[in-house]
C-alpha atoms as a PDB file:
ATOM      1  CA  MET A   1       0.000   0.000   0.000  1.00  0.00           C
ATOM      2  CA  ILE A   2       1.255   3.455  -0.965  1.00  0.00           C
ATOM      3  CA  LEU A   3      -0.171   6.542   0.750  1.00  0.00           C
ATOM      4  CA  LEU A   4       0.715   9.866  -0.875  1.00  0.00           C
ATOM      5  CA  TYR A   5       0.664  13.068   1.155  1.00  0.00           C
ATOM      6  CA  GLY A   6       1.043  16.427  -0.552  1.00  0.00           C
ATOM      7  CA  THR A   7       3.057  19.062   1.295  1.00  0.00           C
ATOM      8  CA  SER A   8       4.119  22.670   0.855  1.00  0.00           C
ATOM      9  CA  HIS A   9       7.873  23.186   1.131  1.00  0.00           C
ATOM     10  CA  ILE A  10       7.430  26.428   3.100  1.00  0.00           C
ATOM     11  CA  SER A  11       4.324  25.605   5.112  1.00  0.00           C
ATOM     12  CA  GLN A  12       4.337  25.324   8.891  1.00  0.00           C
ATOM     13  CA  GLU A  13       1.133  23.306   8.526  1.00  0.00           C
ATOM     14  CA  SER A  14       3.005  20.605   6.582  1.00  0.00           C
ATOM     15  CA  ILE A  15       5.733  20.387   9.219  1.00  0.00           C
ATOM     16  CA  SER A  16       3.159  20.011  11.997  1.00  0.00           C
ATOM     17  CA  GLU A  17       1.231  17.282  10.148  1.00  0.00           C
ATOM     18  CA  ILE A  18       4.197  14.959   9.546  1.00  0.00           C
ATOM     19  CA  LYS A  19       4.285  13.356  13.011  1.00  0.00           C
ATOM     20  CA  LYS A  20       0.492  13.065  13.163  1.00  0.00           C
ATOM     21  CA  VAL A  21       0.337  11.248   9.829  1.00  0.00           C
ATOM     22  CA  VAL A  22       3.207   8.884  10.663  1.00  0.00           C
ATOM     23  CA  ASP A  23       1.856   8.015  14.120  1.00  0.00           C
ATOM     24  CA  LYS A  24      -1.615   7.431  12.699  1.00  0.00           C
ATOM     25  CA  GLU A  25      -0.582   5.262   9.740  1.00  0.00           C
ATOM     26  CA  LYS A  26       2.457   3.485  11.275  1.00  0.00           C
ATOM     27  CA  PRO A  27       4.199   2.801   7.933  1.00  0.00           C
ATOM     28  CA  ASP A  28       7.000   0.338   7.239  1.00  0.00           C
ATOM     29  CA  LEU A  29       8.728   2.921   5.049  1.00  0.00           C
ATOM     30  CA  ILE A  30       8.746   6.708   4.748  1.00  0.00           C
ATOM     31  CA  ALA A  31       9.552   7.969   1.250  1.00  0.00           C
ATOM     32  CA  ILE A  32      10.484  11.621   0.828  1.00  0.00           C
ATOM     33  CA  GLU A  33      10.878  13.954  -2.130  1.00  0.00           C
ATOM     34  CA  LEU A  34      14.613  14.459  -1.698  1.00  0.00           C
ATOM     35  CA  ASP A  35      17.821  13.151  -3.185  1.00  0.00           C
ATOM     36  CA  GLU A  36      20.981  12.481  -1.203  1.00  0.00           C
ATOM     37  CA  LEU A  37      22.625  15.833  -1.971  1.00  0.00           C
ATOM     38  CA  ARG A  38      19.594  17.903  -0.952  1.00  0.00           C
ATOM     39  CA  LEU A  39      19.154  15.890   2.248  1.00  0.00           C
ATOM     40  CA  LYS A  40      22.779  16.516   3.213  1.00  0.00           C
ATOM     41  CA  ALA A  41      22.310  20.226   2.521  1.00  0.00           C
ATOM     42  CA  LEU A  42      19.204  20.347   4.754  1.00  0.00           C
ATOM     43  CA  LEU A  43      21.087  18.471   7.476  1.00  0.00           C
ATOM     44  CA  GLY A  44      23.754  21.180   7.316  1.00  0.00           C
ATOM     45  CA  GLU A  45      26.594  18.843   6.398  1.00  0.00           C
ATOM     46  CA  LYS A  46      29.782  20.669   5.477  1.00  0.00           C
ATOM     47  CA  GLY A  47      31.904  20.202   2.397  1.00  0.00           C
ATOM     48  CA  ILE A  48      28.973  19.696   0.020  1.00  0.00           C
ATOM     49  CA  LYS A  49      29.971  20.839  -3.450  1.00  0.00           C
ATOM     50  CA  ARG A  50      27.169  21.631  -5.843  1.00  0.00           C
ATOM     51  CA  ARG A  51      27.603  23.567  -9.053  1.00  0.00           C
ATOM     52  CA  ARG A  52      24.696  25.984  -9.376  1.00  0.00           C
ATOM     53  CA  THR A  53      23.719  27.443 -12.714  1.00  0.00           C
ATOM     54  CA  PRO A  54      22.568  31.099 -12.607  1.00  0.00           C
ATOM     55  CA  LEU A  55      19.010  29.930 -13.300  1.00  0.00           C
ATOM     56  CA  PHE A  56      19.039  27.378 -10.495  1.00  0.00           C
ATOM     57  CA  PHE A  57      20.570  29.948  -8.157  1.00  0.00           C
ATOM     58  CA  LEU A  58      17.652  32.263  -8.930  1.00  0.00           C
ATOM     59  CA  MET A  59      15.164  29.447  -8.286  1.00  0.00           C
ATOM     60  CA  GLU A  60      16.656  28.922  -4.843  1.00  0.00           C
ATOM     61  CA  LYS A  61      16.484  32.663  -4.136  1.00  0.00           C
ATOM     62  CA  VAL A  62      12.764  32.679  -4.969  1.00  0.00           C
ATOM     63  CA  GLN A  63      12.142  29.754  -2.611  1.00  0.00           C
ATOM     64  CA  LYS A  64      14.092  31.444   0.172  1.00  0.00           C
ATOM     65  CA  TYR A  65      12.212  34.694  -0.431  1.00  0.00           C
ATOM     66  CA  PHE A  66       8.862  32.997   0.205  1.00  0.00           C
ATOM     67  CA  GLY A  67      10.341  30.914   3.025  1.00  0.00           C
ATOM     68  CA  ASN A  68      11.495  34.069   4.807  1.00  0.00           C
ATOM     69  CA  LYS A  69       7.975  35.460   4.624  1.00  0.00           C
ATOM     70  CA  VAL A  70       6.727  32.591   6.797  1.00  0.00           C
ATOM     71  CA  GLU A  71      10.014  31.960   8.641  1.00  0.00           C
ATOM     72  CA  VAL A  72      10.349  28.422   7.296  1.00  0.00           C
ATOM     73  CA  ILE A  73      13.411  27.002   5.566  1.00  0.00           C
ATOM     74  CA  PRO A  74      12.286  25.585   2.176  1.00  0.00           C
ATOM     75  CA  GLY A  75      12.147  21.778   2.410  1.00  0.00           C
ATOM     76  CA  ARG A  76      11.887  21.820   6.207  1.00  0.00           C
ATOM     77  CA  GLU A  77       8.886  19.445   6.121  1.00  0.00           C
ATOM     78  CA  MET A  78      10.948  16.820   4.264  1.00  0.00           C
ATOM     79  CA  LEU A  79      13.677  17.126   6.898  1.00  0.00           C
ATOM     80  CA  GLU A  80      11.014  16.698   9.575  1.00  0.00           C
ATOM     81  CA  ALA A  81       9.838  13.477   7.879  1.00  0.00           C
ATOM     82  CA  TYR A  82      13.432  12.221   7.856  1.00  0.00           C
ATOM     83  CA  HIS A  83      13.888  12.991  11.570  1.00  0.00           C
ATOM     84  CA  VAL A  84      10.563  11.381  12.492  1.00  0.00           C
ATOM     85  CA  ALA A  85      11.604   8.230  10.617  1.00  0.00           C
ATOM     86  CA  GLN A  86      14.899   8.176  12.519  1.00  0.00           C
ATOM     87  CA  GLU A  87      13.134   8.655  15.868  1.00  0.00           C
ATOM     88  CA  ARG A  88      10.556   5.932  15.133  1.00  0.00           C
ATOM     89  CA  LYS A  89      13.208   3.635  13.602  1.00  0.00           C
ATOM     90  CA  ILE A  90      11.294   3.507  10.315  1.00  0.00           C
ATOM     91  CA  SER A  91      13.122   2.880   7.030  1.00  0.00           C
ATOM     92  CA  VAL A  92      13.612   5.897   4.755  1.00  0.00           C
ATOM     93  CA  ALA A  93      13.767   6.117   0.957  1.00  0.00           C
ATOM     94  CA  LEU A  94      14.917   9.165  -0.999  1.00  0.00           C
ATOM     95  CA  ILE A  95      12.824   9.001  -4.151  1.00  0.00           C
ATOM     96  CA  ASP A  96      13.554  12.251  -5.978  1.00  0.00           C
ATOM     97  CA  GLN A  97      15.812  12.662  -8.992  1.00  0.00           C
ATOM     98  CA  ASP A  98      19.458  13.576  -8.394  1.00  0.00           C
ATOM     99  CA  ILE A  99      19.543  17.369  -8.281  1.00  0.00           C
ATOM    100  CA  THR A 100      22.584  17.509 -10.581  1.00  0.00           C
ATOM    101  CA  LEU A 101      20.611  15.666 -13.275  1.00  0.00           C
ATOM    102  CA  THR A 102      17.702  18.076 -12.886  1.00  0.00           C
ATOM    103  CA  MET A 103      20.092  21.022 -13.240  1.00  0.00           C
ATOM    104  CA  SER A 104      21.698  19.554 -16.355  1.00  0.00           C
ATOM    105  CA  LYS A 105      18.253  19.140 -17.951  1.00  0.00           C
ATOM    106  CA  ILE A 106      17.303  22.719 -17.105  1.00  0.00           C
ATOM    107  CA  LYS A 107      20.484  23.972 -18.786  1.00  0.00           C
ATOM    108  CA  LYS A 108      19.258  22.423 -22.059  1.00  0.00           C
ATOM    109  CA  ILE A 109      15.941  24.279 -22.099  1.00  0.00           C
ATOM    110  CA  PRO A 110      15.687  26.536 -25.189  1.00  0.00           C
ATOM    111  CA  LEU A 111      17.009  30.047 -24.559  1.00  0.00           C
ATOM    112  CA  LYS A 112      13.644  31.695 -25.217  1.00  0.00           C
ATOM    113  CA  GLU A 113      11.965  29.664 -22.486  1.00  0.00           C
ATOM    114  CA  ARG A 114      14.883  30.151 -20.085  1.00  0.00           C
ATOM    115  CA  LEU A 115      14.509  33.915 -20.472  1.00  0.00           C
ATOM    116  CA  LYS A 116      10.782  33.619 -19.755  1.00  0.00           C
ATOM    117  CA  ILE A 117      11.604  31.661 -16.574  1.00  0.00           C
ATOM    118  CA  ILE A 118      14.083  34.331 -15.454  1.00  0.00           C
ATOM    119  CA  PHE A 119      11.640  37.197 -16.048  1.00  0.00           C
ATOM    120  CA  ALA A 120       8.856  35.303 -14.267  1.00  0.00           C
ATOM    121  CA  MET A 121      11.034  34.690 -11.202  1.00  0.00           C
ATOM    122  CA  LEU A 122      12.408  38.230 -11.111  1.00  0.00           C
ATOM    123  CA  ALA A 123       8.820  39.497 -11.145  1.00  0.00           C
ATOM    124  CA  VAL A 124       8.365  37.853  -7.740  1.00  0.00           C
ATOM    125  CA  PHE A 125      10.598  40.508  -6.180  1.00  0.00           C
ATOM    126  CA  VAL A 126       8.709  43.414  -7.779  1.00  0.00           C
ATOM    127  CA  PRO A 127       5.728  44.661  -5.722  1.00  0.00           C
ATOM    128  CA  ILE A 128       2.627  45.027  -7.880  1.00  0.00           C
ATOM    129  CA  LYS A 129      -0.969  45.890  -7.130  1.00  0.00           C
ATOM    130  CA  LYS A 130      -3.146  42.783  -7.006  1.00  0.00           C
ATOM    131  CA  SER A 131      -6.224  42.479  -9.167  1.00  0.00           C
ATOM    132  CA  LYS A 132      -9.434  40.744  -8.176  1.00  0.00           C
ATOM    133  CA  SER A 133      -8.547  37.795 -10.419  1.00  0.00           C
ATOM    134  CA  ASP A 134      -5.253  37.074  -8.623  1.00  0.00           C
ATOM    135  CA  LEU A 135      -5.115  33.844  -6.623  1.00  0.00           C
ATOM    136  CA  GLU A 136      -5.135  34.283  -2.842  1.00  0.00           C
ATOM    137  CA  ILE A 137      -2.644  31.801  -1.402  1.00  0.00           C
ATOM    138  CA  ASP A 138      -1.950  31.366   2.314  1.00  0.00           C
ATOM    139  CA  LEU A 139       1.747  30.484   2.456  1.00  0.00           C
ATOM    140  CA  GLN A 140       1.288  28.984   5.926  1.00  0.00           C
ATOM    141  CA  LYS A 141      -0.928  26.222   4.538  1.00  0.00           C
ATOM    142  CA  VAL A 142      -0.932  23.634   1.764  1.00  0.00           C
ATOM    143  CA  PRO A 143      -2.869  25.155  -1.181  1.00  0.00           C
ATOM    144  CA  SER A 144      -6.213  23.622  -2.168  1.00  0.00           C
ATOM    145  CA  GLN A 145      -6.259  21.219  -5.119  1.00  0.00           C
ATOM    146  CA  GLU A 146      -8.179  23.812  -7.121  1.00  0.00           C
ATOM    147  CA  ILE A 147      -5.386  26.359  -6.689  1.00  0.00           C
ATOM    148  CA  ILE A 148      -2.710  23.756  -7.419  1.00  0.00           C
ATOM    149  CA  ASP A 149      -4.475  22.698 -10.634  1.00  0.00           C
ATOM    150  CA  THR A 150      -4.806  26.324 -11.765  1.00  0.00           C
ATOM    151  CA  VAL A 151      -1.152  27.104 -11.102  1.00  0.00           C
ATOM    152  CA  LEU A 152       0.063  23.908 -12.797  1.00  0.00           C
ATOM    153  CA  ASP A 153      -2.106  24.556 -15.872  1.00  0.00           C
ATOM    154  CA  GLN A 154      -0.629  28.053 -16.205  1.00  0.00           C
ATOM    155  CA  PHE A 155       2.864  26.699 -15.595  1.00  0.00           C
ATOM    156  CA  LYS A 156       2.473  24.046 -18.296  1.00  0.00           C
ATOM    157  CA  THR A 157       1.088  26.542 -20.821  1.00  0.00           C
ATOM    158  CA  PHE A 158       3.642  29.276 -20.179  1.00  0.00           C
ATOM    159  CA  LEU A 159       6.769  27.118 -19.629  1.00  0.00           C
ATOM    160  CA  PRO A 160       6.135  23.672 -21.200  1.00  0.00           C
ATOM    161  CA  LYS A 161       9.714  22.351 -21.181  1.00  0.00           C
ATOM    162  CA  PHE A 162      10.403  23.613 -17.671  1.00  0.00           C
ATOM    163  CA  TYR A 163       7.136  21.995 -16.523  1.00  0.00           C
ATOM    164  CA  GLN A 164       8.137  18.696 -18.100  1.00  0.00           C
ATOM    165  CA  ILE A 165      11.505  18.668 -16.320  1.00  0.00           C
ATOM    166  CA  LEU A 166      10.339  19.864 -12.898  1.00  0.00           C
ATOM    167  CA  ILE A 167       6.976  18.102 -12.730  1.00  0.00           C
ATOM    168  CA  GLU A 168       6.283  15.377 -15.298  1.00  0.00           C
ATOM    169  CA  ASP A 169       9.717  13.724 -15.454  1.00  0.00           C
ATOM    170  CA  ARG A 170      10.073  13.663 -11.686  1.00  0.00           C
ATOM    171  CA  ASN A 171       6.512  12.383 -11.218  1.00  0.00           C
ATOM    172  CA  LYS A 172       7.332   9.397 -13.427  1.00  0.00           C
ATOM    173  CA  LEU A 173      10.621   8.705 -11.668  1.00  0.00           C
ATOM    174  CA  MET A 174       9.190   8.954  -8.159  1.00  0.00           C
ATOM    175  CA  ALA A 175       6.140   6.828  -9.029  1.00  0.00           C
ATOM    176  CA  ARG A 176       8.399   4.173 -10.545  1.00  0.00           C
ATOM    177  CA  LYS A 177      10.590   4.111  -7.430  1.00  0.00           C
ATOM    178  CA  LEU A 178       7.539   3.758  -5.197  1.00  0.00           C
ATOM    179  CA  GLU A 179       6.244   0.829  -7.254  1.00  0.00           C
ATOM    180  CA  LEU A 180       9.575  -0.941  -6.810  1.00  0.00           C
ATOM    181  CA  LEU A 181       9.623  -0.196  -3.081  1.00  0.00           C
ATOM    182  CA  GLU A 182       6.098  -1.599  -2.752  1.00  0.00           C
ATOM    183  CA  THR A 183       7.481  -5.038  -3.564  1.00  0.00           C
ATOM    184  CA  GLU A 184       9.607  -4.834  -0.397  1.00  0.00           C
ATOM    185  CA  TYR A 185       7.419  -2.882   2.036  1.00  0.00           C
ATOM    186  CA  GLU A 186       3.793  -3.515   2.966  1.00  0.00           C
ATOM    187  CA  LYS A 187       2.844   0.067   3.881  1.00  0.00           C
ATOM    188  CA  ILE A 188       4.573   3.151   2.491  1.00  0.00           C
ATOM    189  CA  ILE A 189       3.924   6.805   3.254  1.00  0.00           C
ATOM    190  CA  ALA A 190       5.332   9.139   0.608  1.00  0.00           C
ATOM    191  CA  PHE A 191       5.665  12.842   1.354  1.00  0.00           C
ATOM    192  CA  VAL A 192       5.867  14.825  -1.887  1.00  0.00           C
ATOM    193  CA  GLY A 193       5.210  18.413  -2.899  1.00  0.00           C
ATOM    194  CA  ALA A 194       1.505  19.071  -3.385  1.00  0.00           C
ATOM    195  CA  GLY A 195       2.120  19.826  -7.058  1.00  0.00           C
ATOM    196  CA  HIS A 196       3.312  16.247  -7.599  1.00  0.00           C
ATOM    197  CA  LYS A 197       0.592  14.370  -5.680  1.00  0.00           C
ATOM    198  CA  LYS A 198      -2.231  14.265  -8.239  1.00  0.00           C
ATOM    199  CA  GLY A 199       0.022  13.377 -11.173  1.00  0.00           C
ATOM    200  CA  MET A 200       1.750  10.627  -9.209  1.00  0.00           C
ATOM    201  CA  GLU A 201      -1.571   9.163  -8.074  1.00  0.00           C
ATOM    202  CA  LYS A 202      -2.655   8.841 -11.719  1.00  0.00           C
ATOM    203  CA  LEU A 203       0.627   7.157 -12.652  1.00  0.00           C
ATOM    204  CA  LEU A 204       0.425   4.705  -9.748  1.00  0.00           C
ATOM    205  CA  LYS A 205      -3.149   3.755 -10.712  1.00  0.00           C
ATOM    206  CA  THR A 206      -2.230   3.039 -14.328  1.00  0.00           C
END
């Protein structure tokens, strides 16, 4: 059995829910949306060398910008899941794609789309007056599925290659890893970003 839980990487609500979910479900394995390099970085291990492209550096800055607004380190809920697994002596699986592979794929995105990504991320730091049609998102909580679907649809339309690399490719990889793990473990809880949950559920069903 695989139970998928969608989280927000900067949500205090997600951090608080981790222990409750684990203690309620009592899984044999906790799978988390991290790779080894990102886990080591969250654990604060020294001597980690990671070549950042300018685009990836900007992506991290955007995450930190929103994280600072709610005083949560991006990815803190995944670190919480790791610590809970250690405390409960539950096996852990890192199911995300190696971050260096993700970065190398992003570097190959056509220049036109890369420029669109840069302008979109830079716009985050520019204060603008909100219109009535703008989505109201509470950063402290996991967004509703309706909001997630709207954002993902816009993301896919505006930045199709970037969407494929960040969402679709990783959904397939993580779902495949979970299917393999299911042959070894009876009950698995997988904590993944809320934007991955629905797509992964479809893949696991088919």
